[in-house]
Protein backbone atom coordinates (compact mmCIF):
# COMPACT_ATOMS: atom_id res chain seq x y z
CA UNK A 1 87.33 -36.33 69.49
CA UNK A 2 84.92 -39.15 68.13
CA UNK A 3 81.27 -39.33 69.41
CA UNK A 4 78.90 -41.96 68.62
CA UNK A 5 75.25 -41.37 69.53
CA UNK A 6 73.29 -44.49 70.23
CA UNK A 7 70.45 -42.95 72.23
CA UNK A 8 68.51 -39.67 72.50
CA UNK A 9 70.88 -36.97 73.02
CA UNK A 10 69.93 -33.84 74.99
CA UNK A 11 70.93 -30.35 73.73
CA UNK A 12 72.95 -29.86 76.94
CA UNK A 13 74.90 -33.08 76.54
CA UNK A 14 75.57 -32.25 73.02
CA UNK A 15 76.92 -28.65 74.09
CA UNK A 16 79.16 -30.29 76.48
CA UNK A 17 80.65 -32.54 74.05
CA UNK A 18 81.32 -29.60 71.83
CA UNK A 19 83.09 -27.60 74.62
CA UNK A 20 85.47 -30.92 74.94
CA UNK A 21 86.28 -30.57 71.39
CA UNK A 22 84.51 -32.67 68.64
CA UNK A 23 85.83 -33.69 65.27
CA UNK A 24 83.46 -36.46 64.22
CA UNK A 25 79.78 -37.30 65.00
CA UNK A 26 78.04 -40.57 64.32
CA UNK A 27 74.30 -40.97 64.78
CA UNK A 28 72.89 -44.59 65.03
CA UNK A 29 69.43 -43.86 66.66
CA UNK A 30 67.44 -40.90 65.94
CA UNK A 31 67.21 -39.58 62.31
CA UNK A 32 65.25 -36.57 62.92
CA UNK A 33 67.36 -35.47 65.77
CA UNK A 34 70.42 -35.89 63.50
CA UNK A 35 68.79 -33.63 60.98
CA UNK A 36 68.43 -30.97 63.92
CA UNK A 37 72.08 -31.23 65.01
CA UNK A 38 73.43 -31.29 61.36
CA UNK A 39 71.55 -27.88 60.66
CA UNK A 40 73.10 -26.35 63.81
CA UNK A 41 76.66 -27.74 63.47
CA UNK A 42 77.42 -28.03 59.88
CA UNK A 43 81.06 -27.64 60.21
CA UNK A 44 81.35 -31.12 61.80
CA UNK A 45 82.00 -34.26 60.05
CA UNK A 46 79.05 -36.65 60.40
CA UNK A 47 78.20 -40.21 59.57
CA UNK A 48 74.64 -41.58 59.66
CA UNK A 49 74.18 -45.14 60.46
CA UNK A 50 70.57 -45.34 58.90
CA UNK A 51 67.90 -48.04 59.06
CA UNK A 52 65.73 -49.16 56.08
CA UNK A 53 62.69 -51.21 55.23
CA UNK A 54 63.28 -51.49 51.59
CA UNK A 55 60.60 -52.68 49.22
CA UNK A 56 61.20 -55.37 46.52
CA UNK A 57 58.34 -55.39 44.05
CA UNK A 58 57.89 -58.82 42.17
CA UNK A 59 55.46 -58.57 39.22
CA UNK A 60 53.64 -61.51 37.58
CA UNK A 61 55.50 -60.90 34.31
CA UNK A 62 58.93 -61.15 35.90
CA UNK A 63 61.33 -64.21 36.16
CA UNK A 64 60.12 -66.03 39.25
CA UNK A 65 63.11 -68.08 39.68
CA UNK A 66 65.34 -65.07 39.37
CA UNK A 67 62.97 -63.34 42.08
CA UNK A 68 63.58 -66.38 44.54
CA UNK A 69 67.36 -66.21 43.88
CA UNK A 70 67.32 -62.26 44.41
CA UNK A 71 65.24 -62.71 47.47
CA UNK A 72 67.75 -65.26 48.99
CA UNK A 73 70.67 -62.98 48.28
CA UNK A 74 68.97 -59.63 49.08
CA UNK A 75 67.42 -60.59 52.31
CA UNK A 76 69.26 -63.56 53.98
CA UNK A 77 72.64 -62.49 53.27
CA UNK A 78 74.48 -61.93 56.49
CA UNK A 79 71.47 -63.42 58.28
CA UNK A 80 69.40 -60.31 57.11
CA UNK A 81 71.71 -57.92 59.02
CA UNK A 82 72.01 -55.32 56.35
CA UNK A 83 70.54 -51.90 56.43
CA UNK A 84 69.92 -51.73 52.68
CA UNK A 85 68.52 -55.26 52.30
CA UNK A 86 65.19 -55.89 50.78
CA UNK A 87 62.72 -56.39 53.72
CA UNK A 88 59.20 -55.75 52.29
CA UNK A 89 58.50 -58.19 49.46
CA UNK A 90 55.68 -56.80 47.43
CA UNK A 91 54.32 -59.66 45.22
CA UNK A 92 51.64 -59.49 42.65
CA UNK A 93 48.58 -61.54 44.03
CA UNK A 94 48.43 -63.82 40.97
CA UNK A 95 51.90 -65.40 41.80
CA UNK A 96 52.15 -64.75 45.36
CA UNK A 97 51.36 -68.40 46.37
CA UNK A 98 53.72 -69.72 43.66
CA UNK A 99 56.62 -67.50 44.97
CA UNK A 100 56.04 -68.51 48.41
CA UNK A 101 56.09 -72.16 47.62
CA UNK A 102 59.41 -71.61 45.82
CA UNK A 103 60.75 -69.70 48.51
CA UNK A 104 59.79 -72.37 51.07
CA UNK A 105 61.53 -75.08 49.00
CA UNK A 106 64.42 -72.92 48.55
CA UNK A 107 64.86 -72.07 52.36
CA UNK A 108 64.64 -75.92 52.99
CA UNK A 109 68.04 -76.32 51.25
CA UNK A 110 69.95 -73.59 53.26
CA UNK A 111 72.13 -74.88 56.10
CA UNK A 112 72.00 -73.03 59.36
CA UNK A 113 75.17 -73.06 61.23
CA UNK A 114 78.12 -71.07 62.79
CA UNK A 115 79.29 -68.23 60.67
CA UNK A 116 82.80 -69.42 60.81
CA UNK A 117 81.87 -72.80 58.98
CA UNK A 118 82.57 -72.61 55.27
CA UNK A 119 79.40 -74.48 54.43
CA UNK A 120 77.02 -72.42 56.46
CA UNK A 121 74.27 -70.63 54.44
CA UNK A 122 72.49 -68.89 57.49
CA UNK A 123 74.33 -67.97 60.61
CA UNK A 124 73.45 -66.54 63.90
CA UNK A 125 72.48 -62.76 64.61
CA UNK A 126 75.07 -60.48 66.19
CA UNK A 127 73.62 -61.36 69.86
CA UNK A 128 71.05 -63.19 71.42
CA UNK A 129 69.41 -59.79 72.22
CA UNK A 130 69.24 -59.19 68.60
CA UNK A 131 67.47 -62.49 67.90
CA UNK A 132 64.99 -61.92 70.80
CA UNK A 133 64.06 -58.55 69.10
CA UNK A 134 63.57 -60.30 65.74
CA UNK A 135 61.26 -62.80 67.55
CA UNK A 136 59.35 -59.96 69.23
CA UNK A 137 58.67 -58.24 66.14
CA UNK A 138 57.62 -61.42 64.26
CA UNK A 139 55.20 -62.19 67.18
CA UNK A 140 53.89 -58.79 67.02
CA UNK A 141 53.16 -59.14 63.42
CA UNK A 142 51.47 -62.40 63.75
CA UNK A 143 49.50 -60.83 66.51
CA UNK A 144 48.17 -58.25 64.05
CA UNK A 145 46.91 -60.96 61.78
CA UNK A 146 49.82 -62.16 59.66
CA UNK A 147 50.87 -65.85 59.60
CA UNK A 148 54.18 -67.73 59.69
CA UNK A 149 54.71 -69.89 56.61
CA UNK A 150 58.07 -71.33 57.61
CA UNK A 151 60.53 -70.71 60.40
CA UNK A 152 59.54 -68.27 63.26
CA UNK A 153 61.83 -70.26 65.73
CA UNK A 154 64.59 -68.88 67.85
CA UNK A 155 67.37 -70.90 69.41
CA UNK A 156 69.68 -68.54 71.41
CA UNK A 157 71.39 -66.01 68.88
CA UNK A 158 69.94 -68.13 65.98
CA UNK A 159 66.65 -67.14 64.38
CA UNK A 160 65.40 -69.50 61.58
CA UNK A 161 64.90 -68.25 58.11
CA UNK A 162 61.28 -66.98 58.11
CA UNK A 163 58.38 -66.15 55.78
CA UNK A 164 55.34 -64.31 57.01
CA UNK A 165 52.36 -64.06 54.70
CA UNK A 166 49.08 -62.32 55.18
CA UNK A 167 50.57 -58.92 55.80
CA UNK A 168 48.28 -56.02 55.05
CA UNK A 169 49.58 -52.47 54.17
CA UNK A 170 48.34 -51.09 57.40
CA UNK A 171 50.57 -53.20 59.51
CA UNK A 172 53.75 -51.76 61.17
CA UNK A 173 55.87 -54.27 59.19
CA UNK A 174 54.56 -52.98 55.87
CA UNK A 175 55.57 -49.37 56.86
CA UNK A 176 58.50 -48.63 59.46
CA UNK A 177 59.08 -51.79 61.26
CA UNK A 178 62.44 -52.84 60.17
CA UNK A 179 63.02 -56.51 61.03
CA UNK A 180 66.91 -56.84 61.17
CA UNK A 181 67.13 -60.59 60.67
CA UNK A 182 66.38 -63.46 58.19
CA UNK A 183 62.76 -62.60 57.83
CA UNK A 184 60.83 -62.24 54.41
CA UNK A 185 57.62 -60.13 54.86
CA UNK A 186 55.36 -60.82 51.96
CA UNK A 187 52.71 -58.24 50.93
CA UNK A 188 50.32 -58.92 48.10
CA UNK A 189 49.29 -56.31 45.50
CA UNK A 190 47.05 -56.17 42.54
CA UNK A 191 48.16 -53.27 40.42
CA UNK A 192 51.51 -51.61 40.15
CA UNK A 193 49.96 -48.27 41.48
CA UNK A 194 49.13 -50.18 44.68
CA UNK A 195 52.63 -51.60 44.86
CA UNK A 196 54.00 -48.07 44.52
CA UNK A 197 51.59 -46.69 47.13
CA UNK A 198 52.77 -49.44 49.67
CA UNK A 199 56.40 -49.04 48.91
CA UNK A 200 56.14 -45.15 49.47
CA UNK A 201 54.40 -45.39 52.70
CA UNK A 202 57.56 -46.01 54.73
CA UNK A 203 59.77 -43.12 55.98
CA UNK A 204 62.86 -45.10 54.95
CA UNK A 205 64.25 -44.69 51.48
CA UNK A 206 67.92 -46.52 51.31
CA UNK A 207 67.04 -48.60 48.17
CA UNK A 208 64.30 -50.62 46.33
CA UNK A 209 64.03 -53.14 43.60
CA UNK A 210 61.67 -54.49 41.02
CA UNK A 211 61.45 -57.85 39.02
CA UNK A 212 59.57 -57.45 35.83
CA UNK A 213 60.35 -58.01 32.13
CA UNK A 214 58.68 -54.82 31.21
CA UNK A 215 61.31 -51.93 31.07
CA UNK A 216 58.93 -49.21 30.80
CA UNK A 217 57.12 -50.41 33.99
CA UNK A 218 60.52 -50.69 35.70
CA UNK A 219 61.35 -47.21 34.78
CA UNK A 220 57.99 -45.93 35.77
CA UNK A 221 58.40 -47.50 39.27
CA UNK A 222 61.90 -46.01 39.76
CA UNK A 223 60.55 -42.52 38.97
CA UNK A 224 57.75 -42.92 41.61
């Protein structure tokens, strides 16, 4: 018996499922609840469909053109619908404006179209509801004080590739708001210690990345 959990699951409901026979359990919603059930029922096979709000740190000593290419691939692949995609772009303030300028120019070259077309770079989201949720999250972030540099437009299930600047570390999007769409959230930092602090303030931990030419700095960040 296969059971996929997409909403809050009560202990009584779970007990009834066990009585019917259960061989595989998949959690798509509440991570802490999944931990609780796993502790109680360790004998069952279990898959966790986890979210993420992965940090991508871009240092002033790094290759900026490489950072742009990695951002396009790491964030906009599959229209941003990847759990382990980079979502929080921590950019050293001394190069932040230059990075944003290069990203805007790159985004202007990307073709938005149906995923079935071979020349499409950015397709639609999985549903219009998904695009509406991305729109809501972007609007909420703007209402908190951030600003849209490019994009921010929804057309049905399509959401335009978007860059948001002016994000501060106290905003939800800089912590645990996972925007599951083609949105590049830019957060400035002055020191690598500050970048590490911002990166670590999320409950998520699927992956992370750094652009720097200083290998000792990269190792230091990876250990933190």
